[in-house]
Amino acid sequence: MSLTTISQKLQDYRKSFHTCSELMPKKIHLESLVKQLPKSNLETYFAKTPYSRRKISFYSNIQKYLNDDMNNTVCLDIAKTLGDILDIYKVKIAHIHSLNSELEYILSEIDLEQERREEMIEYFRNQD
């Protein structure tokens, strides 16, 4: 892949990192499950956090609210959906790391090529 292709892919991937088609249905389902709970700290946590700030750390913190009532079937569904969301994020982070690695590799190849070109120019200058 070329440098522009990878950087464009990375940019597009980051734009939809929290709102991709694989993640959004899970997030919506999780929110509907939380609304089914009777008044709880988890519902308050969701209400206090605007949707635009619901990132990985937000979903990681939910687990501490679930420990109180894990016998409830809704809580079990929440835990399962939460696990799915966090798994999707893990895959997305790994993908970003691989794209970053590809980008760094290509940039190092470009730098090496530039160094060789400069060495060759210097060599031919000294030939005169």
C-alpha atoms as a PDB file:
ATOM      1  CA  MET A   1       0.000   0.000   0.000  1.00  0.00           C
ATOM      2  CA  SER A   2       1.096   3.540  -0.585  1.00  0.00           C
ATOM      3  CA  LEU A   3       1.637   6.181   2.063  1.00  0.00           C
ATOM      4  CA  THR A   4      -1.444   8.174   1.073  1.00  0.00           C
ATOM      5  CA  THR A   5      -3.623   5.066   1.021  1.00  0.00           C
ATOM      6  CA  ILE A   6      -2.619   4.009   4.515  1.00  0.00           C
ATOM      7  CA  SER A   7      -2.838   7.498   5.980  1.00  0.00           C
ATOM      8  CA  GLN A   8      -6.304   7.924   4.406  1.00  0.00           C
ATOM      9  CA  LYS A   9      -7.405   4.543   5.772  1.00  0.00           C
ATOM     10  CA  LEU A  10      -6.130   5.475   9.210  1.00  0.00           C
ATOM     11  CA  GLN A  11      -7.865   8.830   9.104  1.00  0.00           C
ATOM     12  CA  ASP A  12     -11.174   7.279   8.003  1.00  0.00           C
ATOM     13  CA  TYR A  13     -10.874   4.550  10.629  1.00  0.00           C
ATOM     14  CA  ARG A  14     -10.284   7.084  13.389  1.00  0.00           C
ATOM     15  CA  LYS A  15     -13.258   9.198  12.275  1.00  0.00           C
ATOM     16  CA  SER A  16     -15.635   6.279  12.754  1.00  0.00           C
ATOM     17  CA  PHE A  17     -13.774   4.649  15.661  1.00  0.00           C
ATOM     18  CA  HIS A  18     -16.602   5.130  18.185  1.00  0.00           C
ATOM     19  CA  THR A  19     -19.498   5.162  15.726  1.00  0.00           C
ATOM     20  CA  CYS A  20     -18.890   2.294  13.299  1.00  0.00           C
ATOM     21  CA  SER A  21     -21.737   0.099  12.090  1.00  0.00           C
ATOM     22  CA  GLU A  22     -20.486  -2.826  14.151  1.00  0.00           C
ATOM     23  CA  LEU A  23     -20.350  -0.868  17.411  1.00  0.00           C
ATOM     24  CA  MET A  24     -23.417   1.381  17.301  1.00  0.00           C
ATOM     25  CA  PRO A  25     -26.087  -1.361  17.508  1.00  0.00           C
ATOM     26  CA  LYS A  26     -24.331  -2.761  20.581  1.00  0.00           C
ATOM     27  CA  LYS A  27     -24.188   0.676  22.212  1.00  0.00           C
ATOM     28  CA  ILE A  28     -27.862   1.326  21.480  1.00  0.00           C
ATOM     29  CA  HIS A  29     -28.801  -2.106  22.821  1.00  0.00           C
ATOM     30  CA  LEU A  30     -26.774  -1.473  25.981  1.00  0.00           C
ATOM     31  CA  GLU A  31     -28.505   1.837  26.567  1.00  0.00           C
ATOM     32  CA  SER A  32     -31.932   0.229  26.168  1.00  0.00           C
ATOM     33  CA  LEU A  33     -30.954  -2.467  28.686  1.00  0.00           C
ATOM     34  CA  VAL A  34     -29.813   0.169  31.176  1.00  0.00           C
ATOM     35  CA  LYS A  35     -33.170   1.945  30.815  1.00  0.00           C
ATOM     36  CA  GLN A  36     -34.911  -1.327  31.788  1.00  0.00           C
ATOM     37  CA  LEU A  37     -33.215  -1.318  35.183  1.00  0.00           C
ATOM     38  CA  PRO A  38     -35.056   0.178  38.105  1.00  0.00           C
ATOM     39  CA  LYS A  39     -33.499   3.401  39.368  1.00  0.00           C
ATOM     40  CA  SER A  40     -29.822   2.593  39.661  1.00  0.00           C
ATOM     41  CA  ASN A  41     -26.392   4.154  39.791  1.00  0.00           C
ATOM     42  CA  LEU A  42     -25.753   2.816  36.294  1.00  0.00           C
ATOM     43  CA  GLU A  43     -28.742   4.688  34.896  1.00  0.00           C
ATOM     44  CA  THR A  44     -27.469   7.869  36.570  1.00  0.00           C
ATOM     45  CA  TYR A  45     -23.995   7.237  35.127  1.00  0.00           C
ATOM     46  CA  PHE A  46     -25.494   6.995  31.627  1.00  0.00           C
ATOM     47  CA  ALA A  47     -27.660  10.074  32.148  1.00  0.00           C
ATOM     48  CA  LYS A  48     -24.755  12.214  33.374  1.00  0.00           C
ATOM     49  CA  THR A  49     -22.444  11.287  30.498  1.00  0.00           C
ATOM     50  CA  PRO A  50     -23.242  12.912  27.147  1.00  0.00           C
ATOM     51  CA  TYR A  51     -23.215  10.494  24.226  1.00  0.00           C
ATOM     52  CA  SER A  52     -20.230  12.203  22.630  1.00  0.00           C
ATOM     53  CA  ARG A  53     -18.115  11.396  25.711  1.00  0.00           C
ATOM     54  CA  ARG A  54     -18.981   7.723  25.843  1.00  0.00           C
ATOM     55  CA  LYS A  55     -15.640   6.323  24.827  1.00  0.00           C
ATOM     56  CA  ILE A  56     -13.642   3.267  25.921  1.00  0.00           C
ATOM     57  CA  SER A  57     -13.089   4.530  29.467  1.00  0.00           C
ATOM     58  CA  PHE A  58     -16.826   5.114  29.904  1.00  0.00           C
ATOM     59  CA  TYR A  59     -17.611   1.512  28.967  1.00  0.00           C
ATOM     60  CA  SER A  60     -14.738   0.172  31.073  1.00  0.00           C
ATOM     61  CA  ASN A  61     -16.134   1.919  34.158  1.00  0.00           C
ATOM     62  CA  ILE A  62     -19.591   0.344  33.817  1.00  0.00           C
ATOM     63  CA  GLN A  63     -18.408  -2.921  35.359  1.00  0.00           C
ATOM     64  CA  LYS A  64     -18.143  -1.378  38.831  1.00  0.00           C
ATOM     65  CA  TYR A  65     -21.843  -0.485  38.695  1.00  0.00           C
ATOM     66  CA  LEU A  66     -22.856  -4.036  37.780  1.00  0.00           C
ATOM     67  CA  ASN A  67     -21.194  -5.902  40.631  1.00  0.00           C
ATOM     68  CA  ASP A  68     -24.030  -5.070  43.017  1.00  0.00           C
ATOM     69  CA  ASP A  69     -26.830  -6.895  41.199  1.00  0.00           C
ATOM     70  CA  MET A  70     -25.457  -9.664  38.969  1.00  0.00           C
ATOM     71  CA  ASN A  71     -28.395 -11.993  39.723  1.00  0.00           C
ATOM     72  CA  ASN A  72     -30.713  -9.825  37.658  1.00  0.00           C
ATOM     73  CA  THR A  73     -31.084 -11.110  34.051  1.00  0.00           C
ATOM     74  CA  VAL A  74     -30.953  -7.557  32.691  1.00  0.00           C
ATOM     75  CA  CYS A  75     -27.604  -7.067  34.437  1.00  0.00           C
ATOM     76  CA  LEU A  76     -26.331 -10.286  32.885  1.00  0.00           C
ATOM     77  CA  ASP A  77     -27.405  -9.035  29.440  1.00  0.00           C
ATOM     78  CA  ILE A  78     -25.704  -5.715  30.165  1.00  0.00           C
ATOM     79  CA  ALA A  79     -22.502  -7.538  31.143  1.00  0.00           C
ATOM     80  CA  LYS A  80     -22.610  -9.621  27.936  1.00  0.00           C
ATOM     81  CA  THR A  81     -23.250  -6.586  25.711  1.00  0.00           C
ATOM     82  CA  LEU A  82     -20.574  -4.639  27.547  1.00  0.00           C
ATOM     83  CA  GLY A  83     -18.122  -7.483  26.921  1.00  0.00           C
ATOM     84  CA  ASP A  84     -19.011  -7.405  23.215  1.00  0.00           C
ATOM     85  CA  ILE A  85     -18.432  -3.638  23.068  1.00  0.00           C
ATOM     86  CA  LEU A  86     -15.070  -3.874  24.812  1.00  0.00           C
ATOM     87  CA  ASP A  87     -14.031  -6.774  22.537  1.00  0.00           C
ATOM     88  CA  ILE A  88     -14.883  -4.691  19.464  1.00  0.00           C
ATOM     89  CA  TYR A  89     -12.793  -1.848  20.858  1.00  0.00           C
ATOM     90  CA  LYS A  90      -9.852  -4.234  21.429  1.00  0.00           C
ATOM     91  CA  VAL A  91     -10.001  -5.353  17.794  1.00  0.00           C
ATOM     92  CA  LYS A  92     -10.267  -1.747  16.602  1.00  0.00           C
ATOM     93  CA  ILE A  93      -7.255  -0.707  18.702  1.00  0.00           C
ATOM     94  CA  ALA A  94      -5.222  -3.624  17.344  1.00  0.00           C
ATOM     95  CA  HIS A  95      -6.194  -2.598  13.805  1.00  0.00           C
ATOM     96  CA  ILE A  96      -5.088   0.987  14.437  1.00  0.00           C
ATOM     97  CA  HIS A  97      -1.771  -0.281  15.796  1.00  0.00           C
ATOM     98  CA  SER A  98      -1.240  -2.389  12.672  1.00  0.00           C
ATOM     99  CA  LEU A  99      -2.054   0.567  10.398  1.00  0.00           C
ATOM    100  CA  ASN A 100       0.333   2.742  12.414  1.00  0.00           C
ATOM    101  CA  SER A 101       3.030   0.074  12.045  1.00  0.00           C
ATOM    102  CA  GLU A 102       2.513  -0.056   8.281  1.00  0.00           C
ATOM    103  CA  LEU A 103       2.673   3.727   8.137  1.00  0.00           C
ATOM    104  CA  GLU A 104       5.887   3.821  10.168  1.00  0.00           C
ATOM    105  CA  TYR A 105       7.419   1.134   7.955  1.00  0.00           C
ATOM    106  CA  ILE A 106       6.614   3.058   4.792  1.00  0.00           C
ATOM    107  CA  LEU A 107       7.944   6.285   6.300  1.00  0.00           C
ATOM    108  CA  SER A 108      11.182   4.558   7.306  1.00  0.00           C
ATOM    109  CA  GLU A 109      11.513   3.160   3.764  1.00  0.00           C
ATOM    110  CA  ILE A 110      11.031   6.661   2.354  1.00  0.00           C
ATOM    111  CA  ASP A 111      13.656   8.046   4.752  1.00  0.00           C
ATOM    112  CA  LEU A 112      16.098   5.303   3.814  1.00  0.00           C
ATOM    113  CA  GLU A 113      15.519   5.947   0.118  1.00  0.00           C
ATOM    114  CA  GLN A 114      16.090   9.664   0.677  1.00  0.00           C
ATOM    115  CA  GLU A 115      19.350   8.981   2.546  1.00  0.00           C
ATOM    116  CA  ARG A 116      20.571   6.730  -0.276  1.00  0.00           C
ATOM    117  CA  ARG A 117      19.676   9.373  -2.826  1.00  0.00           C
ATOM    118  CA  GLU A 118      21.588  12.032  -0.865  1.00  0.00           C
ATOM    119  CA  GLU A 119      24.602   9.712  -0.503  1.00  0.00           C
ATOM    120  CA  MET A 120      24.565   9.053  -4.233  1.00  0.00           C
ATOM    121  CA  ILE A 121      24.397  12.778  -5.002  1.00  0.00           C
ATOM    122  CA  GLU A 122      27.281  13.424  -2.621  1.00  0.00           C
ATOM    123  CA  TYR A 123      29.274  10.586  -4.176  1.00  0.00           C
ATOM    124  CA  PHE A 124      28.846  11.991  -7.686  1.00  0.00           C
ATOM    125  CA  ARG A 125      29.719  15.501  -6.519  1.00  0.00           C
ATOM    126  CA  ASN A 126      32.991  14.217  -5.142  1.00  0.00           C
ATOM    127  CA  GLN A 127      33.768  12.494  -8.452  1.00  0.00           C
ATOM    128  CA  ASP A 128      34.395  15.823 -10.186  1.00  0.00           C
END
